Amino acid sequence: MVLQLTVADVMTQPVLTVTPDTPLQQAVQMISEHHVSGLPVVDADGRLIGELTEQDLMVRESGVDAGPYVMLLDSVIYLRNPLNWDKQVHQVLGTNVSDLMRKDSHSCGTDLPLPKAASQLHERGTQRLFVLDENDHPVGVITRGDVVRALASHQGG
């Protein structure tokens, strides 16, 4: 039953991470190749200190708003020409993650019940929660899509 599941039961792992010194070009490539919309930023000890998202890449540095888009099971479907996004991203590839990262990332522990994780995702207006161990190291990520898939796979059972 879904009510008995925890974040650890449905989170995606392992989680890809970057550091503030990671070249932005490398982070963009990771986001693109692994089809994720954001990456946790960790310090030298591996503790979560922020995040870098697709939206950050587009809005903060290029000045181009992502405009209308749809999130469907963790995939971003832009309703404008995606070629414009590529052009703008190439303008910022000479910088590091620290230049664009946001320091207010959303996280939770592995033992958080799935219904509470769903509530946090909704209340915080975020697409993802980074799942942390007792030392604040990211061990996974849970997204809105993960919650929907868990609900779908446990229907009727």
N, C-alpha and C. Protein backbone atom coordinates (compact mmCIF):
# COMPACT_ATOMS: atom_id res chain seq x y z
N MET A 1 0.84 -1.19 0.00
CA MET A 1 0.00 0.00 0.00
C MET A 1 0.89 1.25 0.00
N VAL A 2 0.49 2.24 -0.77
CA VAL A 2 1.27 3.46 -0.94
C VAL A 2 1.51 4.19 0.38
N LEU A 3 0.54 4.18 1.27
CA LEU A 3 0.68 4.90 2.53
C LEU A 3 1.83 4.39 3.37
N GLN A 4 2.24 3.14 3.16
CA GLN A 4 3.32 2.56 3.95
C GLN A 4 4.69 2.75 3.32
N LEU A 5 4.74 3.23 2.09
CA LEU A 5 6.02 3.44 1.42
C LEU A 5 6.74 4.67 1.98
N THR A 6 8.07 4.61 1.94
CA THR A 6 8.87 5.77 2.31
C THR A 6 9.61 6.27 1.07
N VAL A 7 10.23 7.39 1.21
CA VAL A 7 11.01 7.97 0.12
C VAL A 7 12.07 6.97 -0.35
N ALA A 8 12.70 6.25 0.58
CA ALA A 8 13.75 5.29 0.23
C ALA A 8 13.23 4.20 -0.70
N ASP A 9 11.93 3.89 -0.62
CA ASP A 9 11.35 2.83 -1.45
C ASP A 9 11.22 3.23 -2.91
N VAL A 10 11.11 4.50 -3.20
CA VAL A 10 10.83 4.93 -4.57
C VAL A 10 11.83 5.94 -5.15
N MET A 11 12.79 6.37 -4.35
CA MET A 11 13.73 7.39 -4.84
C MET A 11 14.61 6.84 -5.95
N THR A 12 15.09 7.73 -6.79
CA THR A 12 16.04 7.39 -7.83
C THR A 12 17.44 7.48 -7.23
N GLN A 13 18.20 6.43 -7.44
CA GLN A 13 19.57 6.42 -6.94
C GLN A 13 20.46 5.63 -7.87
N PRO A 14 21.74 5.86 -7.90
CA PRO A 14 22.42 6.93 -7.16
C PRO A 14 22.10 8.28 -7.78
N VAL A 15 22.35 9.32 -7.03
CA VAL A 15 22.08 10.67 -7.51
C VAL A 15 23.36 11.28 -8.07
N LEU A 16 23.23 11.94 -9.20
CA LEU A 16 24.36 12.66 -9.79
C LEU A 16 24.56 13.95 -9.02
N THR A 17 25.80 14.32 -8.75
CA THR A 17 26.08 15.56 -8.04
C THR A 17 27.14 16.37 -8.78
N VAL A 18 27.17 17.67 -8.47
CA VAL A 18 28.21 18.56 -8.95
C VAL A 18 28.70 19.38 -7.76
N THR A 19 29.85 20.02 -7.93
CA THR A 19 30.38 20.91 -6.90
C THR A 19 30.31 22.34 -7.42
N PRO A 20 30.51 23.32 -6.56
CA PRO A 20 30.49 24.71 -7.03
C PRO A 20 31.55 24.97 -8.11
N ASP A 21 32.65 24.22 -8.09
CA ASP A 21 33.73 24.43 -9.06
C ASP A 21 33.55 23.66 -10.36
N THR A 22 32.49 22.85 -10.45
CA THR A 22 32.25 22.11 -11.69
C THR A 22 32.00 23.10 -12.82
N PRO A 23 32.68 22.92 -13.95
CA PRO A 23 32.41 23.80 -15.10
C PRO A 23 30.94 23.69 -15.51
N LEU A 24 30.34 24.82 -15.80
CA LEU A 24 28.93 24.83 -16.16
C LEU A 24 28.65 23.96 -17.38
N GLN A 25 29.57 23.95 -18.32
CA GLN A 25 29.40 23.12 -19.51
C GLN A 25 29.23 21.65 -19.13
N GLN A 26 30.01 21.18 -18.16
CA GLN A 26 29.91 19.79 -17.71
C GLN A 26 28.56 19.53 -17.05
N ALA A 27 28.09 20.47 -16.24
CA ALA A 27 26.79 20.31 -15.58
C ALA A 27 25.66 20.29 -16.60
N VAL A 28 25.73 21.16 -17.60
CA VAL A 28 24.71 21.19 -18.65
C VAL A 28 24.69 19.86 -19.39
N GLN A 29 25.86 19.33 -19.66
CA GLN A 29 25.95 18.04 -20.35
C GLN A 29 25.34 16.93 -19.50
N MET A 30 25.59 16.95 -18.19
CA MET A 30 25.02 15.94 -17.29
C MET A 30 23.50 16.02 -17.30
N ILE A 31 22.97 17.24 -17.20
CA ILE A 31 21.51 17.43 -17.21
C ILE A 31 20.92 16.89 -18.51
N SER A 32 21.57 17.19 -19.61
CA SER A 32 21.08 16.75 -20.92
C SER A 32 21.19 15.24 -21.10
N GLU A 33 22.35 14.68 -20.83
CA GLU A 33 22.58 13.25 -21.08
C GLU A 33 21.76 12.35 -20.17
N HIS A 34 21.52 12.79 -18.94
CA HIS A 34 20.82 11.94 -17.98
C HIS A 34 19.34 12.30 -17.85
N HIS A 35 18.88 13.25 -18.66
CA HIS A 35 17.47 13.63 -18.70
C HIS A 35 16.93 13.99 -17.32
N VAL A 36 17.67 14.83 -16.61
CA VAL A 36 17.22 15.34 -15.31
C VAL A 36 17.03 16.84 -15.43
N SER A 37 16.20 17.39 -14.56
CA SER A 37 15.93 18.83 -14.64
C SER A 37 16.71 19.62 -13.60
N GLY A 38 17.48 18.93 -12.76
CA GLY A 38 18.27 19.62 -11.76
C GLY A 38 19.30 18.70 -11.13
N LEU A 39 20.35 19.32 -10.59
CA LEU A 39 21.43 18.57 -9.95
C LEU A 39 21.71 19.14 -8.57
N PRO A 40 21.96 18.27 -7.58
CA PRO A 40 22.37 18.78 -6.27
C PRO A 40 23.82 19.25 -6.33
N VAL A 41 24.10 20.32 -5.63
CA VAL A 41 25.46 20.84 -5.52
C VAL A 41 25.97 20.49 -4.13
N VAL A 42 27.14 19.85 -4.08
CA VAL A 42 27.70 19.40 -2.80
C VAL A 42 29.04 20.08 -2.54
N ASP A 43 29.39 20.18 -1.25
CA ASP A 43 30.69 20.75 -0.89
C ASP A 43 31.76 19.67 -0.95
N ALA A 44 32.98 20.00 -0.53
CA ALA A 44 34.10 19.07 -0.61
C ALA A 44 33.88 17.81 0.22
N ASP A 45 33.02 17.90 1.24
CA ASP A 45 32.71 16.74 2.08
C ASP A 45 31.50 15.96 1.59
N GLY A 46 30.93 16.38 0.47
CA GLY A 46 29.79 15.68 -0.10
C GLY A 46 28.45 16.08 0.48
N ARG A 47 28.41 17.16 1.28
CA ARG A 47 27.15 17.63 1.87
C ARG A 47 26.41 18.56 0.91
N LEU A 48 25.09 18.45 0.90
CA LEU A 48 24.26 19.29 0.03
C LEU A 48 24.37 20.75 0.44
N ILE A 49 24.67 21.61 -0.55
CA ILE A 49 24.75 23.05 -0.27
C ILE A 49 23.90 23.87 -1.24
N GLY A 50 23.27 23.21 -2.21
CA GLY A 50 22.44 23.94 -3.15
C GLY A 50 22.02 23.07 -4.32
N GLU A 51 21.50 23.70 -5.37
CA GLU A 51 21.10 22.97 -6.56
C GLU A 51 21.26 23.85 -7.79
N LEU A 52 21.35 23.19 -8.93
CA LEU A 52 21.40 23.85 -10.23
C LEU A 52 20.29 23.24 -11.06
N THR A 53 19.41 24.08 -11.62
CA THR A 53 18.28 23.58 -12.40
C THR A 53 18.31 24.14 -13.82
N GLU A 54 17.54 23.49 -14.68
CA GLU A 54 17.38 23.99 -16.05
C GLU A 54 16.89 25.43 -16.04
N GLN A 55 15.94 25.69 -15.18
CA GLN A 55 15.36 27.03 -15.10
C GLN A 55 16.42 28.06 -14.72
N ASP A 56 17.32 27.69 -13.78
CA ASP A 56 18.40 28.59 -13.40
C ASP A 56 19.28 28.92 -14.60
N LEU A 57 19.57 27.91 -15.40
CA LEU A 57 20.42 28.10 -16.57
C LEU A 57 19.80 29.09 -17.54
N MET A 58 18.51 29.01 -17.71
CA MET A 58 17.84 29.84 -18.70
C MET A 58 17.55 31.25 -18.19
N VAL A 59 17.06 31.36 -16.98
CA VAL A 59 16.59 32.65 -16.49
C VAL A 59 17.71 33.50 -15.92
N ARG A 60 18.50 32.95 -15.03
CA ARG A 60 19.48 33.76 -14.31
C ARG A 60 20.60 34.28 -15.19
N GLU A 61 21.16 33.46 -16.04
CA GLU A 61 22.32 33.89 -16.80
C GLU A 61 21.96 34.48 -18.16
N SER A 62 21.08 33.81 -18.87
CA SER A 62 20.80 34.27 -20.23
C SER A 62 19.75 35.36 -20.28
N GLY A 63 18.97 35.49 -19.22
CA GLY A 63 17.91 36.48 -19.23
C GLY A 63 16.70 36.03 -20.02
N VAL A 64 16.72 34.79 -20.49
CA VAL A 64 15.61 34.26 -21.26
C VAL A 64 14.75 33.42 -20.34
N ASP A 65 13.50 33.81 -20.20
CA ASP A 65 12.57 33.03 -19.39
C ASP A 65 12.23 31.76 -20.15
N ALA A 66 12.08 30.68 -19.41
CA ALA A 66 11.75 29.41 -20.04
C ALA A 66 10.40 29.48 -20.74
N GLY A 67 9.58 30.42 -20.30
CA GLY A 67 8.27 30.54 -20.91
C GLY A 67 7.39 29.38 -20.51
N PRO A 68 6.31 29.23 -21.21
CA PRO A 68 5.40 28.15 -20.86
C PRO A 68 6.02 26.79 -21.15
N TYR A 69 5.92 25.91 -20.17
CA TYR A 69 6.40 24.55 -20.36
C TYR A 69 5.53 23.60 -19.56
N VAL A 70 5.63 22.34 -19.87
CA VAL A 70 4.84 21.32 -19.20
C VAL A 70 5.80 20.30 -18.60
N MET A 71 5.57 19.92 -17.33
CA MET A 71 6.34 18.83 -16.72
C MET A 71 5.48 17.57 -16.80
N LEU A 72 5.99 16.54 -17.43
CA LEU A 72 5.27 15.29 -17.55
C LEU A 72 6.19 14.17 -17.13
N LEU A 73 5.95 13.62 -15.95
CA LEU A 73 6.79 12.55 -15.40
C LEU A 73 8.26 12.89 -15.52
N ASP A 74 8.62 14.05 -15.02
CA ASP A 74 10.00 14.53 -14.93
C ASP A 74 10.59 15.01 -16.23
N SER A 75 9.86 14.96 -17.32
CA SER A 75 10.36 15.47 -18.59
C SER A 75 9.80 16.87 -18.81
N VAL A 76 10.66 17.78 -19.22
CA VAL A 76 10.22 19.14 -19.50
C VAL A 76 9.91 19.23 -20.98
N ILE A 77 8.69 19.64 -21.28
CA ILE A 77 8.29 19.85 -22.67
C ILE A 77 8.04 21.34 -22.83
N TYR A 78 8.96 22.02 -23.51
CA TYR A 78 8.83 23.47 -23.71
C TYR A 78 7.86 23.74 -24.85
N LEU A 79 7.07 24.76 -24.66
CA LEU A 79 6.06 25.10 -25.65
C LEU A 79 6.56 26.15 -26.63
N ARG A 80 7.83 26.55 -26.50
CA ARG A 80 8.47 27.44 -27.47
C ARG A 80 9.55 26.65 -28.19
N ASN A 81 10.17 27.26 -29.15
CA ASN A 81 11.20 26.61 -29.95
C ASN A 81 12.41 26.26 -29.08
N PRO A 82 12.73 24.97 -28.89
CA PRO A 82 13.85 24.59 -28.03
C PRO A 82 15.21 25.00 -28.58
N LEU A 83 15.30 25.36 -29.85
CA LEU A 83 16.58 25.81 -30.42
C LEU A 83 17.05 27.10 -29.75
N ASN A 84 16.13 27.94 -29.33
CA ASN A 84 16.50 29.17 -28.64
C ASN A 84 17.20 28.87 -27.33
N TRP A 85 16.77 27.84 -26.64
CA TRP A 85 17.37 27.46 -25.36
C TRP A 85 18.82 27.07 -25.58
N ASP A 86 19.09 26.26 -26.58
CA ASP A 86 20.47 25.84 -26.87
C ASP A 86 21.37 27.04 -27.12
N LYS A 87 20.87 27.99 -27.89
CA LYS A 87 21.67 29.17 -28.23
C LYS A 87 22.03 29.96 -26.98
N GLN A 88 21.06 30.14 -26.10
CA GLN A 88 21.30 30.91 -24.88
C GLN A 88 22.24 30.18 -23.92
N VAL A 89 22.11 28.88 -23.82
CA VAL A 89 22.96 28.11 -22.91
C VAL A 89 24.42 28.21 -23.34
N HIS A 90 24.67 28.22 -24.63
CA HIS A 90 26.05 28.29 -25.11
C HIS A 90 26.73 29.60 -24.71
N GLN A 91 25.96 30.62 -24.39
CA GLN A 91 26.54 31.89 -23.96
C GLN A 91 27.11 31.81 -22.55
N VAL A 92 26.67 30.84 -21.76
CA VAL A 92 27.08 30.78 -20.35
C VAL A 92 28.04 29.64 -20.06
N LEU A 93 28.49 28.93 -21.07
CA LEU A 93 29.28 27.73 -20.83
C LEU A 93 30.68 27.99 -20.27
N GLY A 94 31.12 29.21 -20.20
CA GLY A 94 32.44 29.48 -19.68
C GLY A 94 32.48 29.67 -18.17
N THR A 95 31.38 29.51 -17.49
CA THR A 95 31.31 29.76 -16.05
C THR A 95 31.25 28.46 -15.27
N ASN A 96 31.26 28.58 -13.94
CA ASN A 96 31.16 27.42 -13.06
C ASN A 96 29.76 27.34 -12.45
N VAL A 97 29.46 26.20 -11.88
CA VAL A 97 28.17 25.98 -11.23
C VAL A 97 27.91 27.04 -10.16
N SER A 98 28.94 27.45 -9.43
CA SER A 98 28.77 28.43 -8.34
C SER A 98 28.18 29.75 -8.84
N ASP A 99 28.36 30.06 -10.11
CA ASP A 99 27.84 31.31 -10.66
C ASP A 99 26.33 31.30 -10.84
N LEU A 100 25.73 30.12 -10.93
CA LEU A 100 24.29 30.04 -11.18
C LEU A 100 23.50 29.26 -10.14
N MET A 101 24.18 28.49 -9.31
CA MET A 101 23.46 27.62 -8.36
C MET A 101 22.60 28.44 -7.40
N ARG A 102 21.53 27.81 -6.95
CA ARG A 102 20.73 28.42 -5.90
C ARG A 102 21.06 27.68 -4.61
N LYS A 103 21.08 28.42 -3.53
CA LYS A 103 21.49 27.83 -2.25
C LYS A 103 20.30 27.30 -1.45
N ASP A 104 19.11 27.48 -1.95
CA ASP A 104 17.91 27.03 -1.24
C ASP A 104 17.33 25.79 -1.91
N SER A 105 18.00 24.67 -1.73
CA SER A 105 17.49 23.42 -2.31
C SER A 105 16.51 22.77 -1.33
N HIS A 106 15.70 21.87 -1.84
CA HIS A 106 14.71 21.18 -1.02
C HIS A 106 15.18 19.75 -0.80
N SER A 107 15.07 19.29 0.46
CA SER A 107 15.57 17.96 0.77
C SER A 107 14.70 17.30 1.83
N CYS A 108 14.95 16.00 2.02
CA CYS A 108 14.25 15.22 3.03
C CYS A 108 15.13 14.03 3.41
N GLY A 109 14.72 13.30 4.43
CA GLY A 109 15.42 12.09 4.85
C GLY A 109 14.84 10.87 4.17
N THR A 110 15.56 9.75 4.25
CA THR A 110 15.14 8.52 3.58
C THR A 110 13.88 7.92 4.19
N ASP A 111 13.61 8.22 5.46
CA ASP A 111 12.48 7.59 6.14
C ASP A 111 11.18 8.39 6.04
N LEU A 112 11.17 9.47 5.28
CA LEU A 112 9.96 10.28 5.13
C LEU A 112 8.89 9.46 4.41
N PRO A 113 7.69 9.36 4.99
CA PRO A 113 6.61 8.63 4.30
C PRO A 113 6.28 9.29 2.96
N LEU A 114 5.96 8.46 1.98
CA LEU A 114 5.70 8.95 0.63
C LEU A 114 4.59 10.01 0.58
N PRO A 115 3.47 9.83 1.31
CA PRO A 115 2.44 10.88 1.28
C PRO A 115 2.96 12.24 1.77
N LYS A 116 3.85 12.22 2.77
CA LYS A 116 4.42 13.49 3.26
C LYS A 116 5.36 14.10 2.22
N ALA A 117 6.10 13.25 1.52
CA ALA A 117 6.98 13.75 0.45
C ALA A 117 6.14 14.41 -0.63
N ALA A 118 5.02 13.78 -0.99
CA ALA A 118 4.13 14.35 -2.00
C ALA A 118 3.61 15.71 -1.54
N SER A 119 3.26 15.82 -0.27
CA SER A 119 2.79 17.10 0.27
C SER A 119 3.88 18.16 0.21
N GLN A 120 5.11 17.77 0.57
CA GLN A 120 6.22 18.73 0.53
C GLN A 120 6.50 19.21 -0.89
N LEU A 121 6.47 18.29 -1.84
CA LEU A 121 6.68 18.67 -3.24
C LEU A 121 5.64 19.71 -3.66
N HIS A 122 4.40 19.47 -3.28
CA HIS A 122 3.32 20.38 -3.65
C HIS A 122 3.44 21.72 -2.92
N GLU A 123 3.60 21.67 -1.60
CA GLU A 123 3.63 22.89 -0.79
C GLU A 123 4.83 23.78 -1.13
N ARG A 124 5.95 23.17 -1.44
CA ARG A 124 7.16 23.94 -1.75
C ARG A 124 7.22 24.36 -3.22
N GLY A 125 6.30 23.83 -4.02
CA GLY A 125 6.27 24.17 -5.44
C GLY A 125 7.53 23.76 -6.17
N THR A 126 8.06 22.59 -5.82
CA THR A 126 9.29 22.11 -6.43
C THR A 126 9.05 20.81 -7.18
N GLN A 127 9.93 20.50 -8.10
CA GLN A 127 9.83 19.26 -8.88
C GLN A 127 10.53 18.10 -8.20
N ARG A 128 11.45 18.42 -7.26
CA ARG A 128 12.27 17.35 -6.68
C ARG A 128 12.62 17.65 -5.23
N LEU A 129 12.86 16.57 -4.48
CA LEU A 129 13.45 16.65 -3.15
C LEU A 129 14.71 15.79 -3.20
N PHE A 130 15.84 16.35 -2.79
CA PHE A 130 17.04 15.55 -2.69
C PHE A 130 16.97 14.78 -1.38
N VAL A 131 17.23 13.49 -1.45
CA VAL A 131 17.14 12.61 -0.29
C VAL A 131 18.52 12.53 0.34
N LEU A 132 18.59 12.88 1.63
CA LEU A 132 19.87 12.97 2.33
C LEU A 132 20.01 11.89 3.40
N ASP A 133 21.25 11.45 3.62
CA ASP A 133 21.52 10.55 4.74
C ASP A 133 21.72 11.41 5.99
N GLU A 134 22.10 10.77 7.09
CA GLU A 134 22.24 11.48 8.37
C GLU A 134 23.37 12.52 8.37
N ASN A 135 24.26 12.46 7.38
CA ASN A 135 25.36 13.42 7.28
C ASN A 135 25.12 14.48 6.21
N ASP A 136 23.89 14.60 5.75
CA ASP A 136 23.50 15.57 4.71
C ASP A 136 24.13 15.28 3.36
N HIS A 137 24.48 14.01 3.10
CA HIS A 137 24.99 13.60 1.79
C HIS A 137 23.81 13.14 0.94
N PRO A 138 23.67 13.61 -0.29
CA PRO A 138 22.60 13.13 -1.16
C PRO A 138 22.78 11.65 -1.49
N VAL A 139 21.73 10.88 -1.25
CA VAL A 139 21.75 9.44 -1.57
C VAL A 139 20.72 9.09 -2.63
N GLY A 140 19.89 10.05 -2.98
CA GLY A 140 18.86 9.83 -3.99
C GLY A 140 18.09 11.11 -4.24
N VAL A 141 17.12 10.99 -5.11
CA VAL A 141 16.23 12.11 -5.41
C VAL A 141 14.84 11.55 -5.63
N ILE A 142 13.84 12.25 -5.13
CA ILE A 142 12.46 11.86 -5.39
C ILE A 142 11.78 13.02 -6.11
N THR A 143 11.10 12.69 -7.18
CA THR A 143 10.45 13.70 -8.00
C THR A 143 8.94 13.48 -7.99
N ARG A 144 8.24 14.44 -8.53
CA ARG A 144 6.79 14.29 -8.67
C ARG A 144 6.47 13.05 -9.51
N GLY A 145 7.28 12.83 -10.54
CA GLY A 145 7.08 11.65 -11.38
C GLY A 145 7.25 10.35 -10.62
N ASP A 146 8.22 10.30 -9.70
CA ASP A 146 8.41 9.10 -8.87
C ASP A 146 7.16 8.82 -8.04
N VAL A 147 6.57 9.88 -7.49
CA VAL A 147 5.36 9.72 -6.68
C VAL A 147 4.22 9.18 -7.54
N VAL A 148 4.04 9.76 -8.72
CA VAL A 148 2.97 9.31 -9.62
C VAL A 148 3.17 7.85 -10.02
N ARG A 149 4.41 7.48 -10.35
CA ARG A 149 4.69 6.09 -10.72
C ARG A 149 4.42 5.14 -9.55
N ALA A 150 4.76 5.55 -8.34
CA ALA A 150 4.50 4.71 -7.16
C ALA A 150 3.00 4.53 -6.97
N LEU A 151 2.25 5.60 -7.13
CA LEU A 151 0.79 5.50 -7.02
C LEU A 151 0.23 4.56 -8.08
N ALA A 152 0.71 4.70 -9.31
CA ALA A 152 0.21 3.87 -10.41
C ALA A 152 0.54 2.40 -10.19
N SER A 153 1.73 2.11 -9.70
CA SER A 153 2.13 0.70 -9.53
C SER A 153 1.48 0.05 -8.33
N HIS A 154 0.92 0.84 -7.42
CA HIS A 154 0.28 0.27 -6.24
C HIS A 154 -1.24 0.41 -6.26
N GLN A 155 -1.81 0.77 -7.40
CA GLN A 155 -3.26 0.88 -7.52
C GLN A 155 -3.90 -0.50 -7.33
N GLY A 156 -4.90 -0.52 -6.52
CA GLY A 156 -5.65 -1.76 -6.33
C GLY A 156 -4.93 -2.77 -5.46
N GLY A 157 -3.78 -2.42 -4.90
CA GLY A 157 -3.06 -3.39 -4.11
C GLY A 157 -2.59 -2.78 -2.90
